[in-house]
PDB file of all heavy atoms in Angstrom:
ATOM      1  N   ILE A   1      39.241 123.907 -49.213  1.00  0.00           N
ATOM      2  CA  ILE A   1      40.385 124.290 -48.378  1.00  0.00           C
ATOM      3  C   ILE A   1      40.400 123.521 -47.053  1.00  0.00           C
ATOM      4  O   ILE A   1      41.264 123.745 -46.212  1.00  0.00           O
ATOM      5  CB  ILE A   1      40.421 125.808 -48.102  1.00  0.00           C
ATOM      6  CG1 ILE A   1      39.198 126.252 -47.291  1.00  0.00           C
ATOM      7  CG2 ILE A   1      40.552 126.589 -49.402  1.00  0.00           C
ATOM      8  CD1 ILE A   1      39.281 127.710 -46.834  1.00  0.00           C
ATOM      9  N   GLY A   2      39.452 122.609 -46.876  1.00  0.00           N
ATOM     10  CA  GLY A   2      39.476 121.719 -45.725  1.00  0.00           C
ATOM     11  C   GLY A   2      38.652 122.151 -44.535  1.00  0.00           C
ATOM     12  O   GLY A   2      38.833 121.637 -43.431  1.00  0.00           O
ATOM     13  N   SER A   3      37.709 123.065 -44.735  1.00  0.00           N
ATOM     14  CA  SER A   3      36.866 123.519 -43.629  1.00  0.00           C
ATOM     15  C   SER A   3      35.650 122.611 -43.492  1.00  0.00           C
ATOM     16  O   SER A   3      34.868 122.461 -44.427  1.00  0.00           O
ATOM     17  CB  SER A   3      36.408 124.960 -43.852  1.00  0.00           C
ATOM     18  OG  SER A   3      35.523 125.361 -42.824  1.00  0.00           O
ATOM     19  N   HIS A   4      35.486 122.032 -42.306  1.00  0.00           N
ATOM     20  CA  HIS A   4      34.312 121.203 -42.037  1.00  0.00           C
ATOM     21  C   HIS A   4      33.319 121.919 -41.121  1.00  0.00           C
ATOM     22  O   HIS A   4      32.185 121.472 -40.967  1.00  0.00           O
ATOM     23  CB  HIS A   4      34.733 119.879 -41.404  1.00  0.00           C
ATOM     24  CG  HIS A   4      35.234 118.885 -42.397  1.00  0.00           C
ATOM     25  ND1 HIS A   4      34.466 117.843 -42.872  1.00  0.00           N
ATOM     26  CD2 HIS A   4      36.425 118.797 -43.028  1.00  0.00           C
ATOM     27  CE1 HIS A   4      35.164 117.146 -43.757  1.00  0.00           C
ATOM     28  NE2 HIS A   4      36.359 117.700 -43.863  1.00  0.00           N
ATOM     29  N   TYR A   5      33.749 123.019 -40.524  1.00  0.00           N
ATOM     30  CA  TYR A   5      32.880 123.821 -39.656  1.00  0.00           C
ATOM     31  C   TYR A   5      32.898 125.256 -40.176  1.00  0.00           C
ATOM     32  O   TYR A   5      33.926 125.924 -40.120  1.00  0.00           O
ATOM     33  CB  TYR A   5      33.360 123.760 -38.202  1.00  0.00           C
ATOM     34  CG  TYR A   5      33.247 122.384 -37.603  1.00  0.00           C
ATOM     35  CD1 TYR A   5      34.267 121.448 -37.780  1.00  0.00           C
ATOM     36  CD2 TYR A   5      32.115 122.000 -36.877  1.00  0.00           C
ATOM     37  CE1 TYR A   5      34.172 120.168 -37.243  1.00  0.00           C
ATOM     38  CE2 TYR A   5      32.010 120.728 -36.340  1.00  0.00           C
ATOM     39  CZ  TYR A   5      33.036 119.825 -36.528  1.00  0.00           C
ATOM     40  OH  TYR A   5      32.927 118.561 -36.012  1.00  0.00           O
ATOM     41  N   MET A   6      31.769 125.710 -40.668  1.00  0.00           N
ATOM     42  CA  MET A   6      31.695 127.002 -41.344  1.00  0.00           C
ATOM     43  C   MET A   6      30.713 127.927 -40.646  1.00  0.00           C
ATOM     44  O   MET A   6      29.588 127.534 -40.323  1.00  0.00           O
ATOM     45  CB  MET A   6      31.251 126.821 -42.798  1.00  0.00           C
ATOM     46  CG  MET A   6      32.046 125.801 -43.575  1.00  0.00           C
ATOM     47  SD  MET A   6      31.339 125.512 -45.223  1.00  0.00           S
ATOM     48  CE  MET A   6      32.108 123.933 -45.634  1.00  0.00           C
ATOM     49  N   GLN A   7      31.162 129.130 -40.429  1.00  0.00           N
ATOM     50  CA  GLN A   7      30.287 130.168 -39.891  1.00  0.00           C
ATOM     51  C   GLN A   7      30.125 131.245 -40.957  1.00  0.00           C
ATOM     52  O   GLN A   7      31.116 131.818 -41.415  1.00  0.00           O
ATOM     53  CB  GLN A   7      30.879 130.777 -38.621  1.00  0.00           C
ATOM     54  CG  GLN A   7      29.993 131.862 -38.014  1.00  0.00           C
ATOM     55  CD  GLN A   7      30.574 132.442 -36.736  1.00  0.00           C
ATOM     56  OE1 GLN A   7      31.601 131.972 -36.249  1.00  0.00           O
ATOM     57  NE2 GLN A   7      29.938 133.458 -36.198  1.00  0.00           N
ATOM     58  N   PHE A   8      28.895 131.490 -41.357  1.00  0.00           N
ATOM     59  CA  PHE A   8      28.605 132.525 -42.353  1.00  0.00           C
ATOM     60  C   PHE A   8      27.959 133.707 -41.634  1.00  0.00           C
ATOM     61  O   PHE A   8      26.912 133.554 -41.007  1.00  0.00           O
ATOM     62  CB  PHE A   8      27.688 131.982 -43.449  1.00  0.00           C
ATOM     63  CG  PHE A   8      28.343 130.941 -44.313  1.00  0.00           C
ATOM     64  CD1 PHE A   8      28.112 129.581 -44.104  1.00  0.00           C
ATOM     65  CD2 PHE A   8      29.216 131.306 -45.321  1.00  0.00           C
ATOM     66  CE1 PHE A   8      28.724 128.614 -44.886  1.00  0.00           C
ATOM     67  CE2 PHE A   8      29.832 130.351 -46.120  1.00  0.00           C
ATOM     68  CZ  PHE A   8      29.589 128.998 -45.899  1.00  0.00           C
ATOM     69  N   MET A   9      28.585 134.857 -41.737  1.00  0.00           N
ATOM     70  CA  MET A   9      28.133 136.032 -41.005  1.00  0.00           C
ATOM     71  C   MET A   9      27.702 137.124 -41.979  1.00  0.00           C
ATOM     72  O   MET A   9      28.518 137.640 -42.752  1.00  0.00           O
ATOM     73  CB  MET A   9      29.254 136.555 -40.100  1.00  0.00           C
ATOM     74  CG  MET A   9      28.830 137.711 -39.208  1.00  0.00           C
ATOM     75  SD  MET A   9      30.104 138.130 -37.980  1.00  0.00           S
ATOM     76  CE  MET A   9      31.327 138.889 -39.057  1.00  0.00           C
ATOM     77  N   PRO A  10      26.418 137.473 -41.981  1.00  0.00           N
ATOM     78  CA  PRO A  10      25.957 138.526 -42.887  1.00  0.00           C
ATOM     79  C   PRO A  10      26.509 139.885 -42.498  1.00  0.00           C
ATOM     80  O   PRO A  10      26.568 140.233 -41.318  1.00  0.00           O
ATOM     81  CB  PRO A  10      24.430 138.485 -42.727  1.00  0.00           C
ATOM     82  CG  PRO A  10      24.227 137.941 -41.338  1.00  0.00           C
ATOM     83  CD  PRO A  10      25.340 136.961 -41.119  1.00  0.00           C
ATOM     84  N   VAL A  11      26.947 140.633 -43.486  1.00  0.00           N
ATOM     85  CA  VAL A  11      27.434 141.990 -43.251  1.00  0.00           C
ATOM     86  C   VAL A  11      26.313 142.972 -43.563  1.00  0.00           C
ATOM     87  O   VAL A  11      25.944 143.181 -44.719  1.00  0.00           O
ATOM     88  CB  VAL A  11      28.667 142.306 -44.123  1.00  0.00           C
ATOM     89  CG1 VAL A  11      29.041 143.780 -44.001  1.00  0.00           C
ATOM     90  CG2 VAL A  11      29.843 141.433 -43.707  1.00  0.00           C
ATOM     91  N   VAL A  12      25.738 143.519 -42.512  1.00  0.00           N
ATOM     92  CA  VAL A  12      24.746 144.591 -42.650  1.00  0.00           C
ATOM     93  C   VAL A  12      25.183 145.686 -41.698  1.00  0.00           C
ATOM     94  O   VAL A  12      24.953 145.606 -40.500  1.00  0.00           O
ATOM     95  CB  VAL A  12      23.322 144.112 -42.298  1.00  0.00           C
ATOM     96  CG1 VAL A  12      22.335 145.275 -42.435  1.00  0.00           C
ATOM     97  CG2 VAL A  12      22.900 142.973 -43.204  1.00  0.00           C
ATOM     98  N   GLU A  13      25.856 146.666 -42.225  1.00  0.00           N
ATOM     99  CA  GLU A  13      26.404 147.728 -41.390  1.00  0.00           C
ATOM    100  C   GLU A  13      25.823 149.076 -41.804  1.00  0.00           C
ATOM    101  O   GLU A  13      25.534 149.314 -42.979  1.00  0.00           O
ATOM    102  CB  GLU A  13      27.933 147.782 -41.495  1.00  0.00           C
ATOM    103  CG  GLU A  13      28.642 146.492 -41.116  1.00  0.00           C
ATOM    104  CD  GLU A  13      28.597 146.191 -39.633  1.00  0.00           C
ATOM    105  OE1 GLU A  13      28.033 147.011 -38.867  1.00  0.00           O
ATOM    106  OE2 GLU A  13      29.127 145.142 -39.229  1.00  0.00           O
ATOM    107  N   TYR A  14      25.661 149.916 -40.815  1.00  0.00           N
ATOM    108  CA  TYR A  14      25.238 151.284 -41.056  1.00  0.00           C
ATOM    109  C   TYR A  14      26.359 152.221 -40.633  1.00  0.00           C
ATOM    110  O   TYR A  14      27.067 151.959 -39.661  1.00  0.00           O
ATOM    111  CB  TYR A  14      23.959 151.596 -40.285  1.00  0.00           C
ATOM    112  CG  TYR A  14      22.712 151.019 -40.927  1.00  0.00           C
ATOM    113  CD1 TYR A  14      22.462 149.653 -40.895  1.00  0.00           C
ATOM    114  CD2 TYR A  14      21.803 151.840 -41.581  1.00  0.00           C
ATOM    115  CE1 TYR A  14      21.341 149.117 -41.491  1.00  0.00           C
ATOM    116  CE2 TYR A  14      20.663 151.307 -42.176  1.00  0.00           C
ATOM    117  CZ  TYR A  14      20.438 149.947 -42.133  1.00  0.00           C
ATOM    118  OH  TYR A  14      19.327 149.411 -42.731  1.00  0.00           O
ATOM    119  N   VAL A  15      26.530 153.292 -41.389  1.00  0.00           N
ATOM    120  CA  VAL A  15      27.570 154.262 -41.073  1.00  0.00           C
ATOM    121  C   VAL A  15      26.932 155.612 -40.741  1.00  0.00           C
ATOM    122  O   VAL A  15      25.875 155.970 -41.275  1.00  0.00           O
ATOM    123  CB  VAL A  15      28.574 154.428 -42.238  1.00  0.00           C
ATOM    124  CG1 VAL A  15      29.350 153.148 -42.460  1.00  0.00           C
ATOM    125  CG2 VAL A  15      27.854 154.835 -43.527  1.00  0.00           C
ATOM    126  N   ASN A  16      27.585 156.335 -39.848  1.00  0.00           N
ATOM    127  CA  ASN A  16      27.126 157.670 -39.502  1.00  0.00           C
ATOM    128  C   ASN A  16      27.268 158.576 -40.721  1.00  0.00           C
ATOM    129  O   ASN A  16      28.296 158.559 -41.406  1.00  0.00           O
ATOM    130  CB  ASN A  16      27.943 158.210 -38.329  1.00  0.00           C
ATOM    131  CG  ASN A  16      27.470 159.574 -37.875  1.00  0.00           C
ATOM    132  OD1 ASN A  16      27.865 160.602 -38.428  1.00  0.00           O
ATOM    133  ND2 ASN A  16      26.627 159.597 -36.856  1.00  0.00           N
ATOM    134  N   THR A  17      26.240 159.361 -40.998  1.00  0.00           N
ATOM    135  CA  THR A  17      26.244 160.185 -42.207  1.00  0.00           C
ATOM    136  C   THR A  17      27.296 161.283 -42.176  1.00  0.00           C
ATOM    137  O   THR A  17      27.703 161.784 -43.225  1.00  0.00           O
ATOM    138  CB  THR A  17      24.857 160.825 -42.411  1.00  0.00           C
ATOM    139  OG1 THR A  17      24.479 161.527 -41.212  1.00  0.00           O
ATOM    140  CG2 THR A  17      23.810 159.773 -42.728  1.00  0.00           C
ATOM    141  N   GLU A  18      27.760 161.661 -40.987  1.00  0.00           N
ATOM    142  CA  GLU A  18      28.765 162.722 -40.880  1.00  0.00           C
ATOM    143  C   GLU A  18      30.185 162.167 -40.850  1.00  0.00           C
ATOM    144  O   GLU A  18      31.073 162.675 -41.530  1.00  0.00           O
ATOM    145  CB  GLU A  18      28.506 163.561 -39.625  1.00  0.00           C
ATOM    146  CG  GLU A  18      27.178 164.320 -39.658  1.00  0.00           C
ATOM    147  CD  GLU A  18      26.937 165.111 -38.385  1.00  0.00           C
ATOM    148  OE1 GLU A  18      27.804 165.048 -37.472  1.00  0.00           O
ATOM    149  OE2 GLU A  18      25.899 165.785 -38.299  1.00  0.00           O
ATOM    150  N   THR A  19      30.405 161.108 -40.078  1.00  0.00           N
ATOM    151  CA  THR A  19      31.763 160.570 -39.924  1.00  0.00           C
ATOM    152  C   THR A  19      32.077 159.438 -40.891  1.00  0.00           C
ATOM    153  O   THR A  19      33.233 159.094 -41.101  1.00  0.00           O
ATOM    154  CB  THR A  19      31.968 160.046 -38.493  1.00  0.00           C
ATOM    155  OG1 THR A  19      31.088 158.924 -38.276  1.00  0.00           O
ATOM    156  CG2 THR A  19      31.654 161.133 -37.473  1.00  0.00           C
ATOM    157  N   ASN A  20      31.020 158.833 -41.463  1.00  0.00           N
ATOM    158  CA  ASN A  20      31.144 157.658 -42.331  1.00  0.00           C
ATOM    159  C   ASN A  20      31.729 156.459 -41.601  1.00  0.00           C
ATOM    160  O   ASN A  20      32.252 155.543 -42.210  1.00  0.00           O
ATOM    161  CB  ASN A  20      31.990 157.975 -43.570  1.00  0.00           C
ATOM    162  CG  ASN A  20      31.537 157.167 -44.778  1.00  0.00           C
ATOM    163  OD1 ASN A  20      30.335 156.943 -44.972  1.00  0.00           O
ATOM    164  ND2 ASN A  20      32.479 156.724 -45.587  1.00  0.00           N
ATOM    165  N   ARG A  21      31.629 156.457 -40.266  1.00  0.00           N
ATOM    166  CA  ARG A  21      32.091 155.349 -39.442  1.00  0.00           C
ATOM    167  C   ARG A  21      30.929 154.410 -39.142  1.00  0.00           C
ATOM    168  O   ARG A  21      29.778 154.841 -39.007  1.00  0.00           O
ATOM    169  CB  ARG A  21      32.649 155.878 -38.117  1.00  0.00           C
ATOM    170  CG  ARG A  21      33.917 156.715 -38.267  1.00  0.00           C
ATOM    171  CD  ARG A  21      35.134 155.834 -38.217  1.00  0.00           C
ATOM    172  NE  ARG A  21      36.346 156.583 -37.983  1.00  0.00           N
ATOM    173  CZ  ARG A  21      37.509 156.040 -37.689  1.00  0.00           C
ATOM    174  NH1 ARG A  21      37.600 154.737 -37.553  1.00  0.00           N
ATOM    175  NH2 ARG A  21      38.593 156.784 -37.525  1.00  0.00           N
ATOM    176  N   ILE A  22      31.227 153.126 -39.014  1.00  0.00           N
ATOM    177  CA  ILE A  22      30.205 152.154 -38.645  1.00  0.00           C
ATOM    178  C   ILE A  22      29.621 152.523 -37.295  1.00  0.00           C
ATOM    179  O   ILE A  22      30.341 152.881 -36.364  1.00  0.00           O
ATOM    180  CB  ILE A  22      30.797 150.733 -38.611  1.00  0.00           C
ATOM    181  CG1 ILE A  22      31.154 150.294 -40.041  1.00  0.00           C
ATOM    182  CG2 ILE A  22      29.820 149.745 -37.984  1.00  0.00           C
ATOM    183  CD1 ILE A  22      31.855 148.956 -40.113  1.00  0.00           C
ATOM    184  N   THR A  23      28.297 152.442 -37.195  1.00  0.00           N
ATOM    185  CA  THR A  23      27.626 152.912 -35.985  1.00  0.00           C
ATOM    186  C   THR A  23      26.603 151.889 -35.500  1.00  0.00           C
ATOM    187  O   THR A  23      26.357 150.873 -36.156  1.00  0.00           O
ATOM    188  CB  THR A  23      26.962 154.284 -36.237  1.00  0.00           C
ATOM    189  OG1 THR A  23      26.486 154.832 -35.014  1.00  0.00           O
ATOM    190  CG2 THR A  23      25.801 154.152 -37.217  1.00  0.00           C
ATOM    191  N   SER A  24      26.004 152.160 -34.357  1.00  0.00           N
ATOM    192  CA  SER A  24      25.061 151.231 -33.727  1.00  0.00           C
ATOM    193  C   SER A  24      23.626 151.595 -34.082  1.00  0.00           C
ATOM    194  O   SER A  24      23.351 152.696 -34.575  1.00  0.00           O
ATOM    195  CB  SER A  24      25.246 151.250 -32.208  1.00  0.00           C
ATOM    196  OG  SER A  24      24.994 152.539 -31.695  1.00  0.00           O
ATOM    197  N   PRO A  25      22.657 150.677 -33.817  1.00  0.00           N
ATOM    198  CA  PRO A  25      21.261 150.914 -34.208  1.00  0.00           C
ATOM    199  C   PRO A  25      20.610 152.135 -33.573  1.00  0.00           C
ATOM    200  O   PRO A  25      19.605 152.636 -34.098  1.00  0.00           O
ATOM    201  CB  PRO A  25      20.558 149.626 -33.752  1.00  0.00           C
ATOM    202  CG  PRO A  25      21.616 148.596 -33.755  1.00  0.00           C
ATOM    203  CD  PRO A  25      22.863 149.303 -33.330  1.00  0.00           C
ATOM    204  N   ASP A  26      21.142 152.624 -32.456  1.00  0.00           N
ATOM    205  CA  ASP A  26      20.499 153.775 -31.813  1.00  0.00           C
ATOM    206  C   ASP A  26      20.998 155.120 -32.352  1.00  0.00           C
ATOM    207  O   ASP A  26      20.649 156.173 -31.833  1.00  0.00           O
ATOM    208  CB  ASP A  26      20.675 153.725 -30.290  1.00  0.00           C
ATOM    209  CG  ASP A  26      22.130 153.575 -29.872  1.00  0.00           C
ATOM    210  OD1 ASP A  26      23.002 153.629 -30.756  1.00  0.00           O
ATOM    211  OD2 ASP A  26      22.377 153.402 -28.663  1.00  0.00           O
ATOM    212  N   ASP A  27      21.804 155.097 -33.418  1.00  0.00           N
ATOM    213  CA  ASP A  27      22.266 156.326 -34.064  1.00  0.00           C
ATOM    214  C   ASP A  27      21.209 156.762 -35.078  1.00  0.00           C
ATOM    215  O   ASP A  27      20.931 156.059 -36.043  1.00  0.00           O
ATOM    216  CB  ASP A  27      23.611 156.074 -34.753  1.00  0.00           C
ATOM    217  CG  ASP A  27      24.224 157.341 -35.330  1.00  0.00           C
ATOM    218  OD1 ASP A  27      23.517 158.369 -35.416  1.00  0.00           O
ATOM    219  OD2 ASP A  27      25.410 157.314 -35.694  1.00  0.00           O
ATOM    220  N   GLU A  28      20.629 157.925 -34.873  1.00  0.00           N
ATOM    221  CA  GLU A  28      19.557 158.402 -35.748  1.00  0.00           C
ATOM    222  C   GLU A  28      20.087 158.946 -37.073  1.00  0.00           C
ATOM    223  O   GLU A  28      19.336 159.075 -38.047  1.00  0.00           O
ATOM    224  CB  GLU A  28      18.743 159.479 -35.034  1.00  0.00           C
ATOM    225  CG  GLU A  28      18.008 158.956 -33.795  1.00  0.00           C
ATOM    226  CD  GLU A  28      17.201 160.041 -33.105  1.00  0.00           C
ATOM    227  OE1 GLU A  28      17.290 161.214 -33.542  1.00  0.00           O
ATOM    228  OE2 GLU A  28      16.485 159.719 -32.139  1.00  0.00           O
ATOM    229  N   ASN A  29      21.368 159.294 -37.114  1.00  0.00           N
ATOM    230  CA  ASN A  29      21.950 159.863 -38.334  1.00  0.00           C
ATOM    231  C   ASN A  29      22.844 158.828 -39.016  1.00  0.00           C
ATOM    232  O   ASN A  29      24.074 158.889 -38.947  1.00  0.00           O
ATOM    233  CB  ASN A  29      22.768 161.124 -37.997  1.00  0.00           C
ATOM    234  CG  ASN A  29      21.937 162.198 -37.334  1.00  0.00           C
ATOM    235  OD1 ASN A  29      20.857 162.531 -37.817  1.00  0.00           O
ATOM    236  ND2 ASN A  29      22.428 162.729 -36.224  1.00  0.00           N
ATOM    237  N   CYS A  30      22.210 157.854 -39.647  1.00  0.00           N
ATOM    238  CA  CYS A  30      22.994 156.794 -40.263  1.00  0.00           C
ATOM    239  C   CYS A  30      22.396 156.377 -41.604  1.00  0.00           C
ATOM    240  O   CYS A  30      21.248 156.694 -41.920  1.00  0.00           O
ATOM    241  CB  CYS A  30      23.093 155.591 -39.331  1.00  0.00           C
ATOM    242  SG  CYS A  30      21.493 154.845 -38.924  1.00  0.00           S
ATOM    243  N   LYS A  31      23.216 155.681 -42.379  1.00  0.00           N
ATOM    244  CA  LYS A  31      22.787 155.157 -43.675  1.00  0.00           C
ATOM    245  C   LYS A  31      23.425 153.800 -43.894  1.00  0.00           C
ATOM    246  O   LYS A  31      24.444 153.450 -43.274  1.00  0.00           O
ATOM    247  CB  LYS A  31      23.200 156.117 -44.796  1.00  0.00           C
ATOM    248  CG  LYS A  31      24.712 156.289 -44.928  1.00  0.00           C
ATOM    249  CD  LYS A  31      25.072 157.241 -46.057  1.00  0.00           C
ATOM    250  CE  LYS A  31      26.604 157.397 -46.170  1.00  0.00           C
ATOM    251  NZ  LYS A  31      26.979 158.327 -47.259  1.00  0.00           N
ATOM    252  N   LEU A  32      22.839 153.001 -44.771  1.00  0.00           N
ATOM    253  CA  LEU A  32      23.325 151.662 -45.053  1.00  0.00           C
ATOM    254  C   LEU A  32      24.681 151.736 -45.752  1.00  0.00           C
ATOM    255  O   LEU A  32      24.863 152.501 -46.705  1.00  0.00           O
ATOM    256  CB  LEU A  32      22.328 150.913 -45.931  1.00  0.00           C
ATOM    257  CG  LEU A  32      22.605 149.429 -46.185  1.00  0.00           C
ATOM    258  CD1 LEU A  32      22.453 148.637 -44.892  1.00  0.00           C
ATOM    259  CD2 LEU A  32      21.644 148.895 -47.244  1.00  0.00           C
ATOM    260  N   ALA A  33      25.632 150.954 -45.282  1.00  0.00           N
ATOM    261  CA  ALA A  33      26.962 150.916 -45.891  1.00  0.00           C
ATOM    262  C   ALA A  33      26.901 150.202 -47.239  1.00  0.00           C
ATOM    263  O   ALA A  33      26.155 149.233 -47.399  1.00  0.00           O
ATOM    264  CB  ALA A  33      27.944 150.219 -44.966  1.00  0.00           C
ATOM    265  N   PRO A  34      27.692 150.645 -48.227  1.00  0.00           N
ATOM    266  CA  PRO A  34      27.599 150.093 -49.588  1.00  0.00           C
ATOM    267  C   PRO A  34      28.005 148.636 -49.708  1.00  0.00           C
ATOM    268  O   PRO A  34      27.643 147.973 -50.680  1.00  0.00           O
ATOM    269  CB  PRO A  34      28.550 150.998 -50.398  1.00  0.00           C
ATOM    270  CG  PRO A  34      29.486 151.581 -49.380  1.00  0.00           C
ATOM    271  CD  PRO A  34      28.666 151.748 -48.136  1.00  0.00           C
ATOM    272  N   TRP A  35      28.773 148.113 -48.759  1.00  0.00           N
ATOM    273  CA  TRP A  35      29.202 146.712 -48.823  1.00  0.00           C
ATOM    274  C   TRP A  35      28.187 145.755 -48.206  1.00  0.00           C
ATOM    275  O   TRP A  35      28.383 144.547 -48.219  1.00  0.00           O
ATOM    276  CB  TRP A  35      30.553 146.549 -48.124  1.00  0.00           C
ATOM    277  CG  TRP A  35      30.578 147.120 -46.730  1.00  0.00           C
ATOM    278  CD1 TRP A  35      30.064 146.563 -45.601  1.00  0.00           C
ATOM    279  CD2 TRP A  35      31.135 148.378 -46.331  1.00  0.00           C
ATOM    280  NE1 TRP A  35      30.249 147.384 -44.525  1.00  0.00           N
ATOM    281  CE2 TRP A  35      30.921 148.506 -44.930  1.00  0.00           C
ATOM    282  CE3 TRP A  35      31.805 149.401 -46.999  1.00  0.00           C
ATOM    283  CZ2 TRP A  35      31.340 149.618 -44.207  1.00  0.00           C
ATOM    284  CZ3 TRP A  35      32.223 150.502 -46.282  1.00  0.00           C
ATOM    285  CH2 TRP A  35      31.997 150.611 -44.909  1.00  0.00           C
ATOM    286  N   SER A  36      27.095 146.273 -47.652  1.00  0.00           N
ATOM    287  CA  SER A  36      26.114 145.438 -46.969  1.00  0.00           C
ATOM    288  C   SER A  36      25.382 144.515 -47.935  1.00  0.00           C
ATOM    289  O   SER A  36      25.068 144.888 -49.064  1.00  0.00           O
ATOM    290  CB  SER A  36      25.091 146.315 -46.232  1.00  0.00           C
ATOM    291  OG  SER A  36      25.720 147.067 -45.215  1.00  0.00           O
ATOM    292  N   VAL A  37      25.087 143.308 -47.472  1.00  0.00           N
ATOM    293  CA  VAL A  37      24.344 142.358 -48.280  1.00  0.00           C
ATOM    294  C   VAL A  37      22.860 142.720 -48.276  1.00  0.00           C
ATOM    295  O   VAL A  37      22.322 143.191 -47.275  1.00  0.00           O
ATOM    296  CB  VAL A  37      24.556 140.919 -47.747  1.00  0.00           C
ATOM    297  CG1 VAL A  37      23.945 140.742 -46.356  1.00  0.00           C
ATOM    298  CG2 VAL A  37      23.991 139.882 -48.707  1.00  0.00           C
ATOM    299  N   ASN A  38      22.212 142.518 -49.405  1.00  0.00           N
ATOM    300  CA  ASN A  38      20.765 142.696 -49.480  1.00  0.00           C
ATOM    301  C   ASN A  38      20.094 141.596 -48.656  1.00  0.00           C
ATOM    302  O   ASN A  38      20.490 140.429 -48.752  1.00  0.00           O
ATOM    303  CB  ASN A  38      20.319 142.608 -50.943  1.00  0.00           C
ATOM    304  CG  ASN A  38      18.821 142.653 -51.106  1.00  0.00           C
ATOM    305  OD1 ASN A  38      18.140 141.643 -50.944  1.00  0.00           O
ATOM    306  ND2 ASN A  38      18.296 143.824 -51.426  1.00  0.00           N
TER     307      ASN A  38
END
C-alpha cells in the first residue's frame, strides 16, 4: 500500500473486572483483555 515508514504497536490491555473498561497498571482489579497479543 506504499508505506515506507511503519510503526508496529503491541496491544496489551487490561480491563477493570467490574466495568470491563481499559485500565492502568495501578488498578488492582483488572484482567487481560481478550484482544491482547501474547
